Amino acid sequence: MIKPPALRKGDRVAIIAPAGPPDKEHMIQGKRVLEEMGLNVVLGRSLFDVKEDLVDLDQMRLADLHDAFFDPAIRGIFCANGGFGTARIAPLIDYGKIQRNPKIFWGYSDITYLLNAIQKCCDLVTFHGPMVASDLNDKARTKETASSFLSLFTGESMTYDSSKSPLYTIVNGTGEGRLVGGNLTLLTNGLGTPYQVNTDGAILLIEDVQEPAFKIDLMLTHLEQAGVFDTVEGVVIGNFQVDPDEDTKIKKVFQDFFASASFPVVEKFNIGHCQPNYGVPLGVNAKLTTSPPRLVIDSGVM
């Protein structure tokens, strides 16, 4: 797996919006946070564009993605926010050229589709992490969320244990392998496509937002019947951002679904649609343990 180069102060990075235009004020606030990290920030040409013609919109979003990857002066690419439509541009991407120009690509939610497509087609580490407008704006941002970006500079590995948030073990054990995954809805949407997540010998991360328990169960069942859990080494359950009553139902879904699993399953990681939202590299080695519950992840940069 190719690791992109680490960031240094003064580096130029791009913000793009392949899943939809961000709120302008939130965008300004989030951009300022990256600049305070010492980064020189440029914006994609189509960052705020809205079009009814989806074909035209696809081409504009694709152009921003390609421009950011192919410009040798840009060393990192951060997505502004989630939305919809990244699956539409996945088949249009020049993966060969991206592989020859490896750099940090960072986002989550609908961006999950691109994280997995780029990782699978380019053998490039990608990053599931907080986005510039939706997570770094003044109202949402926490110190922990912003600090998630620091590992891109230091190259340090990450240890996530109950000091970051209380973790709960569903199935005991130890598992080690590549960390893969992302948003559960997008992972399910990718089944049967060239961009389907590869979970063979991997630790699978899942998260989502405001989905009812019955739909979570349906998606897990879909993944199971597609063989996604056949050879996993562990499951990391992120934040599902629902009200307390639905959270109780979802917890029961996870307990019932994984009751007979042969791999460790740990829940309540603050990864996904939450604050704080901890960024993690995908495609690197990770180790999941349950005594105590802990996830140790290799650095995503070199």
C-alpha atoms as a PDB file:
ATOM      1  CA  MET A   1       0.000   0.000   0.000  1.00  0.00           C
ATOM      2  CA  ILE A   2       1.404   3.411  -1.026  1.00  0.00           C
ATOM      3  CA  LYS A   3       1.605   6.007   1.752  1.00  0.00           C
ATOM      4  CA  PRO A   4       1.508   9.651   0.639  1.00  0.00           C
ATOM      5  CA  PRO A   5       4.219  12.069   1.816  1.00  0.00           C
ATOM      6  CA  ALA A   6       3.652  13.791   5.162  1.00  0.00           C
ATOM      7  CA  LEU A   7       2.707  17.452   5.239  1.00  0.00           C
ATOM      8  CA  ARG A   8       5.065  20.244   6.203  1.00  0.00           C
ATOM      9  CA  LYS A   9       4.271  23.797   7.223  1.00  0.00           C
ATOM     10  CA  GLY A  10       4.015  25.975   4.146  1.00  0.00           C
ATOM     11  CA  ASP A  11       2.674  23.150   1.972  1.00  0.00           C
ATOM     12  CA  ARG A  12      -0.095  23.904  -0.486  1.00  0.00           C
ATOM     13  CA  VAL A  13      -3.290  21.894  -0.011  1.00  0.00           C
ATOM     14  CA  ALA A  14      -6.590  21.936  -1.915  1.00  0.00           C
ATOM     15  CA  ILE A  15     -10.183  21.908  -0.699  1.00  0.00           C
ATOM     16  CA  ILE A  16     -12.678  20.307  -3.068  1.00  0.00           C
ATOM     17  CA  ALA A  17     -16.360  19.358  -2.809  1.00  0.00           C
ATOM     18  CA  PRO A  18     -17.015  16.189  -4.830  1.00  0.00           C
ATOM     19  CA  ALA A  19     -20.233  15.481  -2.921  1.00  0.00           C
ATOM     20  CA  GLY A  20     -21.848  18.934  -2.853  1.00  0.00           C
ATOM     21  CA  PRO A  21     -21.193  22.629  -2.194  1.00  0.00           C
ATOM     22  CA  PRO A  22     -20.405  23.718   1.381  1.00  0.00           C
ATOM     23  CA  ASP A  23     -21.885  26.535   3.419  1.00  0.00           C
ATOM     24  CA  LYS A  24     -19.723  29.554   2.517  1.00  0.00           C
ATOM     25  CA  GLU A  25     -19.303  30.903   6.054  1.00  0.00           C
ATOM     26  CA  HIS A  26     -18.465  27.461   7.413  1.00  0.00           C
ATOM     27  CA  MET A  27     -16.018  27.042   4.564  1.00  0.00           C
ATOM     28  CA  ILE A  28     -14.227  30.275   5.451  1.00  0.00           C
ATOM     29  CA  GLN A  29     -14.009  29.232   9.111  1.00  0.00           C
ATOM     30  CA  GLY A  30     -12.688  25.760   8.305  1.00  0.00           C
ATOM     31  CA  LYS A  31     -10.170  27.096   5.786  1.00  0.00           C
ATOM     32  CA  ARG A  32      -8.839  29.398   8.491  1.00  0.00           C
ATOM     33  CA  VAL A  33      -8.194  26.385  10.755  1.00  0.00           C
ATOM     34  CA  LEU A  34      -6.045  24.727   8.079  1.00  0.00           C
ATOM     35  CA  GLU A  35      -4.184  27.986   7.542  1.00  0.00           C
ATOM     36  CA  GLU A  36      -3.492  28.204  11.285  1.00  0.00           C
ATOM     37  CA  MET A  37      -1.788  24.814  10.921  1.00  0.00           C
ATOM     38  CA  GLY A  38       0.658  26.518   8.572  1.00  0.00           C
ATOM     39  CA  LEU A  39      -0.877  25.299   5.316  1.00  0.00           C
ATOM     40  CA  ASN A  40      -1.330  27.318   2.134  1.00  0.00           C
ATOM     41  CA  VAL A  41      -4.927  26.591   1.105  1.00  0.00           C
ATOM     42  CA  VAL A  42      -6.353  26.781  -2.419  1.00  0.00           C
ATOM     43  CA  LEU A  43      -9.975  26.167  -3.362  1.00  0.00           C
ATOM     44  CA  GLY A  44     -11.320  23.979  -6.135  1.00  0.00           C
ATOM     45  CA  ARG A  45     -12.754  25.958  -9.033  1.00  0.00           C
ATOM     46  CA  SER A  46     -16.179  24.333  -8.637  1.00  0.00           C
ATOM     47  CA  LEU A  47     -16.281  24.334  -4.844  1.00  0.00           C
ATOM     48  CA  PHE A  48     -19.543  26.277  -4.539  1.00  0.00           C
ATOM     49  CA  ASP A  49     -21.117  25.415  -7.886  1.00  0.00           C
ATOM     50  CA  VAL A  50     -24.652  24.039  -8.145  1.00  0.00           C
ATOM     51  CA  LYS A  51     -26.093  22.607 -11.356  1.00  0.00           C
ATOM     52  CA  GLU A  52     -29.296  20.794 -12.191  1.00  0.00           C
ATOM     53  CA  ASP A  53     -27.564  18.875 -14.970  1.00  0.00           C
ATOM     54  CA  LEU A  54     -25.867  16.030 -13.100  1.00  0.00           C
ATOM     55  CA  VAL A  55     -23.644  15.116 -16.055  1.00  0.00           C
ATOM     56  CA  ASP A  56     -22.167  18.625 -16.122  1.00  0.00           C
ATOM     57  CA  LEU A  57     -21.841  18.567 -12.349  1.00  0.00           C
ATOM     58  CA  ASP A  58     -19.998  15.247 -12.506  1.00  0.00           C
ATOM     59  CA  GLN A  59     -17.468  16.706 -14.925  1.00  0.00           C
ATOM     60  CA  MET A  60     -16.897  19.787 -12.770  1.00  0.00           C
ATOM     61  CA  ARG A  61     -16.349  17.729  -9.629  1.00  0.00           C
ATOM     62  CA  LEU A  62     -14.091  15.327 -11.510  1.00  0.00           C
ATOM     63  CA  ALA A  63     -12.032  18.232 -12.865  1.00  0.00           C
ATOM     64  CA  ASP A  64     -11.436  19.598  -9.361  1.00  0.00           C
ATOM     65  CA  LEU A  65     -10.380  16.145  -8.131  1.00  0.00           C
ATOM     66  CA  HIS A  66      -8.015  15.640 -11.065  1.00  0.00           C
ATOM     67  CA  ASP A  67      -6.603  19.172 -10.850  1.00  0.00           C
ATOM     68  CA  ALA A  68      -5.770  18.686  -7.174  1.00  0.00           C
ATOM     69  CA  PHE A  69      -4.113  15.303  -7.665  1.00  0.00           C
ATOM     70  CA  PHE A  70      -2.221  16.231 -10.814  1.00  0.00           C
ATOM     71  CA  ASP A  71      -0.867  19.608  -9.655  1.00  0.00           C
ATOM     72  CA  PRO A  72       2.638  18.804  -8.296  1.00  0.00           C
ATOM     73  CA  ALA A  73       2.513  21.853  -6.033  1.00  0.00           C
ATOM     74  CA  ILE A  74      -0.445  20.453  -4.057  1.00  0.00           C
ATOM     75  CA  ARG A  75       0.468  17.955  -1.338  1.00  0.00           C
ATOM     76  CA  GLY A  76      -2.896  17.251   0.275  1.00  0.00           C
ATOM     77  CA  ILE A  77      -6.583  17.220  -0.682  1.00  0.00           C
ATOM     78  CA  PHE A  78      -9.324  17.829   1.878  1.00  0.00           C
ATOM     79  CA  CYS A  79     -13.024  17.489   1.154  1.00  0.00           C
ATOM     80  CA  ALA A  80     -15.315  20.302   2.270  1.00  0.00           C
ATOM     81  CA  ASN A  81     -18.335  18.223   3.292  1.00  0.00           C
ATOM     82  CA  GLY A  82     -20.480  15.262   2.394  1.00  0.00           C
ATOM     83  CA  GLY A  83     -23.617  15.106   0.289  1.00  0.00           C
ATOM     84  CA  PHE A  84     -24.286  12.778  -2.620  1.00  0.00           C
ATOM     85  CA  GLY A  85     -23.038  11.723  -6.024  1.00  0.00           C
ATOM     86  CA  THR A  86     -19.456  10.550  -5.534  1.00  0.00           C
ATOM     87  CA  ALA A  87     -20.394   7.113  -6.887  1.00  0.00           C
ATOM     88  CA  ARG A  88     -21.231   8.811 -10.194  1.00  0.00           C
ATOM     89  CA  ILE A  89     -17.690  10.075 -10.741  1.00  0.00           C
ATOM     90  CA  ALA A  90     -15.826   6.968  -9.514  1.00  0.00           C
ATOM     91  CA  PRO A  91     -15.796   5.297 -12.971  1.00  0.00           C
ATOM     92  CA  LEU A  92     -14.505   8.526 -14.582  1.00  0.00           C
ATOM     93  CA  ILE A  93     -11.370   8.926 -12.469  1.00  0.00           C
ATOM     94  CA  ASP A  94      -7.901   8.490 -13.971  1.00  0.00           C
ATOM     95  CA  TYR A  95      -6.637   6.093 -11.296  1.00  0.00           C
ATOM     96  CA  GLY A  96      -3.374   5.387 -13.085  1.00  0.00           C
ATOM     97  CA  LYS A  97      -2.355   9.019 -12.986  1.00  0.00           C
ATOM     98  CA  ILE A  98      -3.442   9.366  -9.349  1.00  0.00           C
ATOM     99  CA  GLN A  99      -1.257   6.385  -8.462  1.00  0.00           C
ATOM    100  CA  ARG A 100       1.685   8.186 -10.053  1.00  0.00           C
ATOM    101  CA  ASN A 101       0.879  11.308  -7.998  1.00  0.00           C
ATOM    102  CA  PRO A 102       0.183   9.970  -4.486  1.00  0.00           C
ATOM    103  CA  LYS A 103      -0.948  12.514  -1.931  1.00  0.00           C
ATOM    104  CA  ILE A 104      -3.245  12.801   1.080  1.00  0.00           C
ATOM    105  CA  PHE A 105      -6.948  12.457   0.260  1.00  0.00           C
ATOM    106  CA  TRP A 106      -9.195  13.119   3.280  1.00  0.00           C
ATOM    107  CA  GLY A 107     -12.966  13.009   3.939  1.00  0.00           C
ATOM    108  CA  TYR A 108     -15.836  10.769   5.053  1.00  0.00           C
ATOM    109  CA  SER A 109     -19.612  10.280   4.688  1.00  0.00           C
ATOM    110  CA  ASP A 110     -20.414  10.222   0.933  1.00  0.00           C
ATOM    111  CA  ILE A 111     -16.673  10.599   0.311  1.00  0.00           C
ATOM    112  CA  THR A 112     -16.401   6.986   1.531  1.00  0.00           C
ATOM    113  CA  TYR A 113     -17.093   5.873  -2.037  1.00  0.00           C
ATOM    114  CA  LEU A 114     -14.015   7.725  -3.290  1.00  0.00           C
ATOM    115  CA  LEU A 115     -11.855   6.677  -0.326  1.00  0.00           C
ATOM    116  CA  ASN A 116     -12.465   3.039  -1.220  1.00  0.00           C
ATOM    117  CA  ALA A 117     -12.289   3.517  -4.996  1.00  0.00           C
ATOM    118  CA  ILE A 118      -8.934   5.324  -4.823  1.00  0.00           C
ATOM    119  CA  GLN A 119      -7.552   2.900  -2.261  1.00  0.00           C
ATOM    120  CA  LYS A 120      -8.603  -0.135  -4.293  1.00  0.00           C
ATOM    121  CA  CYS A 121      -7.656   1.132  -7.772  1.00  0.00           C
ATOM    122  CA  CYS A 122      -4.469   2.994  -6.829  1.00  0.00           C
ATOM    123  CA  ASP A 123      -3.216   0.945  -3.869  1.00  0.00           C
ATOM    124  CA  LEU A 124      -3.052   4.313  -2.079  1.00  0.00           C
ATOM    125  CA  VAL A 125      -3.720   4.963   1.611  1.00  0.00           C
ATOM    126  CA  THR A 126      -6.710   7.314   2.041  1.00  0.00           C
ATOM    127  CA  PHE A 127      -8.013   9.074   5.134  1.00  0.00           C
ATOM    128  CA  HIS A 128     -11.420   8.904   6.853  1.00  0.00           C
ATOM    129  CA  GLY A 129     -11.513  12.180   8.703  1.00  0.00           C
ATOM    130  CA  PRO A 130     -13.326  15.413   9.620  1.00  0.00           C
ATOM    131  CA  MET A 131     -14.128  17.730   6.727  1.00  0.00           C
ATOM    132  CA  VAL A 132     -13.315  21.382   6.371  1.00  0.00           C
ATOM    133  CA  ALA A 133     -16.737  23.069   6.276  1.00  0.00           C
ATOM    134  CA  SER A 134     -18.871  20.541   8.147  1.00  0.00           C
ATOM    135  CA  ASP A 135     -16.444  19.726  10.977  1.00  0.00           C
ATOM    136  CA  LEU A 136     -13.961  22.602  11.302  1.00  0.00           C
ATOM    137  CA  ASN A 137     -16.464  25.467  11.416  1.00  0.00           C
ATOM    138  CA  ASP A 138     -16.589  27.536  14.603  1.00  0.00           C
ATOM    139  CA  LYS A 139     -19.831  25.990  15.870  1.00  0.00           C
ATOM    140  CA  ALA A 140     -18.982  22.302  15.383  1.00  0.00           C
ATOM    141  CA  ARG A 141     -15.212  22.173  15.828  1.00  0.00           C
ATOM    142  CA  THR A 142     -13.601  20.665  18.914  1.00  0.00           C
ATOM    143  CA  LYS A 143      -9.923  20.710  19.853  1.00  0.00           C
ATOM    144  CA  GLU A 144      -9.756  16.935  19.400  1.00  0.00           C
ATOM    145  CA  THR A 145     -11.235  17.118  15.901  1.00  0.00           C
ATOM    146  CA  ALA A 146      -8.703  19.708  14.780  1.00  0.00           C
ATOM    147  CA  SER A 147      -5.842  17.766  16.363  1.00  0.00           C
ATOM    148  CA  SER A 148      -6.675  14.780  14.141  1.00  0.00           C
ATOM    149  CA  PHE A 149      -4.846  16.550  11.330  1.00  0.00           C
ATOM    150  CA  LEU A 150      -1.558  16.734  13.234  1.00  0.00           C
ATOM    151  CA  SER A 151      -0.581  13.122  12.479  1.00  0.00           C
ATOM    152  CA  LEU A 152      -0.379  14.161   8.816  1.00  0.00           C
ATOM    153  CA  PHE A 153       2.624  16.289   9.805  1.00  0.00           C
ATOM    154  CA  THR A 154       4.267  14.047  12.411  1.00  0.00           C
ATOM    155  CA  GLY A 155       3.711  10.595  10.899  1.00  0.00           C
ATOM    156  CA  GLU A 156       2.871   9.232  14.338  1.00  0.00           C
ATOM    157  CA  SER A 157       0.767   6.121  14.800  1.00  0.00           C
ATOM    158  CA  MET A 158      -2.588   6.457  16.566  1.00  0.00           C
ATOM    159  CA  THR A 159      -3.862   4.662  19.647  1.00  0.00           C
ATOM    160  CA  TYR A 160      -7.593   4.907  20.325  1.00  0.00           C
ATOM    161  CA  ASP A 161      -8.686   3.665  23.740  1.00  0.00           C
ATOM    162  CA  SER A 162     -11.235   4.638  26.384  1.00  0.00           C
ATOM    163  CA  SER A 163      -9.273   7.782  27.209  1.00  0.00           C
ATOM    164  CA  LYS A 164     -10.736   9.263  24.018  1.00  0.00           C
ATOM    165  CA  SER A 165     -14.275   7.942  24.522  1.00  0.00           C
ATOM    166  CA  PRO A 166     -15.778   5.044  26.535  1.00  0.00           C
ATOM    167  CA  LEU A 167     -15.487   1.905  24.401  1.00  0.00           C
ATOM    168  CA  TYR A 168     -17.686  -1.174  24.729  1.00  0.00           C
ATOM    169  CA  THR A 169     -16.764  -4.699  23.703  1.00  0.00           C
ATOM    170  CA  ILE A 170     -19.418  -6.761  21.922  1.00  0.00           C
ATOM    171  CA  VAL A 171     -17.174  -9.720  21.068  1.00  0.00           C
ATOM    172  CA  ASN A 172     -13.850 -10.418  22.787  1.00  0.00           C
ATOM    173  CA  GLY A 173     -10.649 -11.221  20.975  1.00  0.00           C
ATOM    174  CA  THR A 174      -7.695  -9.793  19.090  1.00  0.00           C
ATOM    175  CA  GLY A 175      -7.549  -8.979  15.392  1.00  0.00           C
ATOM    176  CA  GLU A 176      -4.907  -7.459  13.153  1.00  0.00           C
ATOM    177  CA  GLY A 177      -5.010  -6.338   9.520  1.00  0.00           C
ATOM    178  CA  ARG A 178      -5.554  -3.382   7.199  1.00  0.00           C
ATOM    179  CA  LEU A 179      -8.100  -0.835   8.455  1.00  0.00           C
ATOM    180  CA  VAL A 180     -10.816  -0.430   5.809  1.00  0.00           C
ATOM    181  CA  GLY A 181     -14.388   0.813   5.588  1.00  0.00           C
ATOM    182  CA  GLY A 182     -16.278   4.011   6.288  1.00  0.00           C
ATOM    183  CA  ASN A 183     -19.921   4.983   6.009  1.00  0.00           C
ATOM    184  CA  LEU A 184     -22.141   1.899   6.185  1.00  0.00           C
ATOM    185  CA  THR A 185     -24.642   3.151   3.601  1.00  0.00           C
ATOM    186  CA  LEU A 186     -21.892   3.859   1.072  1.00  0.00           C
ATOM    187  CA  LEU A 187     -20.168   0.539   1.772  1.00  0.00           C
ATOM    188  CA  THR A 188     -23.466  -1.207   1.073  1.00  0.00           C
ATOM    189  CA  ASN A 189     -23.976   0.839  -2.102  1.00  0.00           C
ATOM    190  CA  GLY A 190     -20.563  -0.281  -3.320  1.00  0.00           C
ATOM    191  CA  LEU A 191     -21.332  -4.003  -3.145  1.00  0.00           C
ATOM    192  CA  GLY A 192     -21.046  -5.727  -6.513  1.00  0.00           C
ATOM    193  CA  THR A 193     -19.112  -2.827  -8.078  1.00  0.00           C
ATOM    194  CA  PRO A 194     -15.393  -2.599  -8.913  1.00  0.00           C
ATOM    195  CA  TYR A 195     -15.082  -0.388  -5.821  1.00  0.00           C
ATOM    196  CA  GLN A 196     -16.462  -2.857  -3.272  1.00  0.00           C
ATOM    197  CA  VAL A 197     -14.526  -2.696  -0.025  1.00  0.00           C
ATOM    198  CA  ASN A 198     -11.942  -5.469   0.312  1.00  0.00           C
ATOM    199  CA  THR A 199     -12.272  -6.926   3.812  1.00  0.00           C
ATOM    200  CA  ASP A 200     -10.087  -9.989   3.350  1.00  0.00           C
ATOM    201  CA  GLY A 201      -7.889 -10.120   6.451  1.00  0.00           C
ATOM    202  CA  ALA A 202      -8.919  -6.576   7.414  1.00  0.00           C
ATOM    203  CA  ILE A 203     -10.310  -4.617  10.345  1.00  0.00           C
ATOM    204  CA  LEU A 204     -13.623  -3.158   9.142  1.00  0.00           C
ATOM    205  CA  LEU A 205     -14.725   0.314  10.297  1.00  0.00           C
ATOM    206  CA  ILE A 206     -18.408   1.219   9.998  1.00  0.00           C
ATOM    207  CA  GLU A 207     -20.263   4.433  10.875  1.00  0.00           C
ATOM    208  CA  ASP A 208     -23.414   6.241   9.747  1.00  0.00           C
ATOM    209  CA  VAL A 209     -25.787   9.061  10.618  1.00  0.00           C
ATOM    210  CA  GLN A 210     -29.476   9.148  11.546  1.00  0.00           C
ATOM    211  CA  GLU A 211     -30.289   5.687  10.201  1.00  0.00           C
ATOM    212  CA  PRO A 212     -32.959   3.672  12.072  1.00  0.00           C
ATOM    213  CA  ALA A 213     -32.081   0.356  13.669  1.00  0.00           C
ATOM    214  CA  PHE A 214     -34.044  -1.695  11.135  1.00  0.00           C
ATOM    215  CA  LYS A 215     -32.055  -0.182   8.277  1.00  0.00           C
ATOM    216  CA  ILE A 216     -28.753  -0.797  10.067  1.00  0.00           C
ATOM    217  CA  ASP A 217     -29.782  -4.432  10.422  1.00  0.00           C
ATOM    218  CA  LEU A 218     -30.748  -4.576   6.740  1.00  0.00           C
ATOM    219  CA  MET A 219     -27.380  -3.181   5.628  1.00  0.00           C
ATOM    220  CA  LEU A 220     -25.411  -5.494   7.913  1.00  0.00           C
ATOM    221  CA  THR A 221     -27.387  -8.445   6.549  1.00  0.00           C
ATOM    222  CA  HIS A 222     -26.672  -7.290   2.992  1.00  0.00           C
ATOM    223  CA  LEU A 223     -22.935  -7.127   3.741  1.00  0.00           C
ATOM    224  CA  GLU A 224     -23.046 -10.527   5.426  1.00  0.00           C
ATOM    225  CA  GLN A 225     -24.788 -12.187   2.495  1.00  0.00           C
ATOM    226  CA  ALA A 226     -22.254 -10.600   0.132  1.00  0.00           C
ATOM    227  CA  GLY A 227     -19.451 -12.288   2.095  1.00  0.00           C
ATOM    228  CA  VAL A 228     -18.014  -9.089   3.564  1.00  0.00           C
ATOM    229  CA  PHE A 229     -17.659 -10.582   7.073  1.00  0.00           C
ATOM    230  CA  ASP A 230     -16.326 -13.973   5.944  1.00  0.00           C
ATOM    231  CA  THR A 231     -12.644 -13.142   6.352  1.00  0.00           C
ATOM    232  CA  VAL A 232     -12.524  -9.993   8.503  1.00  0.00           C
ATOM    233  CA  GLU A 233     -10.191  -9.864  11.488  1.00  0.00           C
ATOM    234  CA  GLY A 234     -12.298  -7.422  13.510  1.00  0.00           C
ATOM    235  CA  VAL A 235     -15.030  -4.769  13.397  1.00  0.00           C
ATOM    236  CA  VAL A 236     -14.744  -1.196  14.695  1.00  0.00           C
ATOM    237  CA  ILE A 237     -18.111   0.496  15.183  1.00  0.00           C
ATOM    238  CA  GLY A 238     -17.993   4.277  14.975  1.00  0.00           C
ATOM    239  CA  ASN A 239     -20.616   6.872  15.821  1.00  0.00           C
ATOM    240  CA  PHE A 240     -24.137   6.452  14.403  1.00  0.00           C
ATOM    241  CA  GLN A 241     -25.467   9.857  15.566  1.00  0.00           C
ATOM    242  CA  VAL A 242     -29.034   8.979  16.575  1.00  0.00           C
ATOM    243  CA  ASP A 243     -31.267   9.882  19.513  1.00  0.00           C
ATOM    244  CA  PRO A 244     -30.939   7.798  22.717  1.00  0.00           C
ATOM    245  CA  ASP A 245     -33.968   5.570  22.045  1.00  0.00           C
ATOM    246  CA  GLU A 246     -32.757   4.627  18.577  1.00  0.00           C
ATOM    247  CA  ASP A 247     -29.220   4.212  19.895  1.00  0.00           C
ATOM    248  CA  THR A 248     -30.488   1.546  22.328  1.00  0.00           C
ATOM    249  CA  LYS A 249     -32.173  -0.296  19.457  1.00  0.00           C
ATOM    250  CA  ILE A 250     -29.053  -0.095  17.302  1.00  0.00           C
ATOM    251  CA  LYS A 251     -26.899  -1.416  20.140  1.00  0.00           C
ATOM    252  CA  LYS A 252     -29.233  -4.435  20.346  1.00  0.00           C
ATOM    253  CA  VAL A 253     -28.925  -4.926  16.566  1.00  0.00           C
ATOM    254  CA  PHE A 254     -25.134  -5.038  16.860  1.00  0.00           C
ATOM    255  CA  GLN A 255     -25.229  -7.408  19.832  1.00  0.00           C
ATOM    256  CA  ASP A 256     -27.580  -9.818  18.073  1.00  0.00           C
ATOM    257  CA  PHE A 257     -25.879  -9.590  14.679  1.00  0.00           C
ATOM    258  CA  PHE A 258     -22.348 -10.204  15.964  1.00  0.00           C
ATOM    259  CA  ALA A 259     -23.301 -12.631  18.768  1.00  0.00           C
ATOM    260  CA  SER A 260     -21.589 -15.604  17.124  1.00  0.00           C
ATOM    261  CA  ALA A 261     -18.736 -13.688  15.434  1.00  0.00           C
ATOM    262  CA  SER A 262     -15.288 -15.258  15.527  1.00  0.00           C
ATOM    263  CA  PHE A 263     -13.554 -11.849  15.509  1.00  0.00           C
ATOM    264  CA  PRO A 264     -13.419  -8.957  18.005  1.00  0.00           C
ATOM    265  CA  VAL A 265     -16.107  -6.272  17.786  1.00  0.00           C
ATOM    266  CA  VAL A 266     -15.822  -2.975  19.684  1.00  0.00           C
ATOM    267  CA  GLU A 267     -18.239  -0.035  19.540  1.00  0.00           C
ATOM    268  CA  LYS A 268     -18.586   3.666  20.394  1.00  0.00           C
ATOM    269  CA  PHE A 269     -15.529   5.074  18.645  1.00  0.00           C
ATOM    270  CA  ASN A 270     -15.940   8.795  17.941  1.00  0.00           C
ATOM    271  CA  ILE A 271     -15.272   8.301  14.242  1.00  0.00           C
ATOM    272  CA  GLY A 272     -17.822   9.669  11.770  1.00  0.00           C
ATOM    273  CA  HIS A 273     -20.706  12.123  12.068  1.00  0.00           C
ATOM    274  CA  CYS A 274     -19.861  13.345  15.565  1.00  0.00           C
ATOM    275  CA  GLN A 275     -17.768  15.744  17.603  1.00  0.00           C
ATOM    276  CA  PRO A 276     -15.056  15.059  18.338  1.00  0.00           C
ATOM    277  CA  ASN A 277     -14.489  13.265  15.037  1.00  0.00           C
ATOM    278  CA  TYR A 278     -11.162  11.467  14.983  1.00  0.00           C
ATOM    279  CA  GLY A 279      -9.493  11.036  11.597  1.00  0.00           C
ATOM    280  CA  VAL A 280      -7.936   7.664  10.740  1.00  0.00           C
ATOM    281  CA  PRO A 281      -5.938   6.357   7.759  1.00  0.00           C
ATOM    282  CA  LEU A 282      -7.476   3.565   5.703  1.00  0.00           C
ATOM    283  CA  GLY A 283      -5.336   0.859   4.145  1.00  0.00           C
ATOM    284  CA  VAL A 284      -2.666   0.745   6.865  1.00  0.00           C
ATOM    285  CA  ASN A 285      -2.158  -1.968   9.458  1.00  0.00           C
ATOM    286  CA  ALA A 286      -4.242  -1.813  12.625  1.00  0.00           C
ATOM    287  CA  LYS A 287      -4.629  -3.987  15.712  1.00  0.00           C
ATOM    288  CA  LEU A 288      -7.914  -4.298  17.623  1.00  0.00           C
ATOM    289  CA  THR A 289      -7.900  -5.710  21.157  1.00  0.00           C
ATOM    290  CA  THR A 290     -10.618  -6.015  23.791  1.00  0.00           C
ATOM    291  CA  SER A 291      -8.743  -6.457  27.108  1.00  0.00           C
ATOM    292  CA  PRO A 292      -8.844  -3.486  27.372  1.00  0.00           C
ATOM    293  CA  PRO A 293     -10.632  -2.277  24.221  1.00  0.00           C
ATOM    294  CA  ARG A 294      -8.060  -0.526  22.059  1.00  0.00           C
ATOM    295  CA  LEU A 295      -7.367   0.216  18.404  1.00  0.00           C
ATOM    296  CA  VAL A 296      -3.763   0.887  17.365  1.00  0.00           C
ATOM    297  CA  ILE A 297      -3.308   2.223  13.815  1.00  0.00           C
ATOM    298  CA  ASP A 298      -0.083   2.667  11.870  1.00  0.00           C
ATOM    299  CA  SER A 299       0.747   6.061  10.397  1.00  0.00           C
ATOM    300  CA  GLY A 300      -0.870   6.853   7.062  1.00  0.00           C
ATOM    301  CA  VAL A 301       1.991   9.005   5.756  1.00  0.00           C
ATOM    302  CA  MET A 302       5.662   8.487   5.091  1.00  0.00           C
END
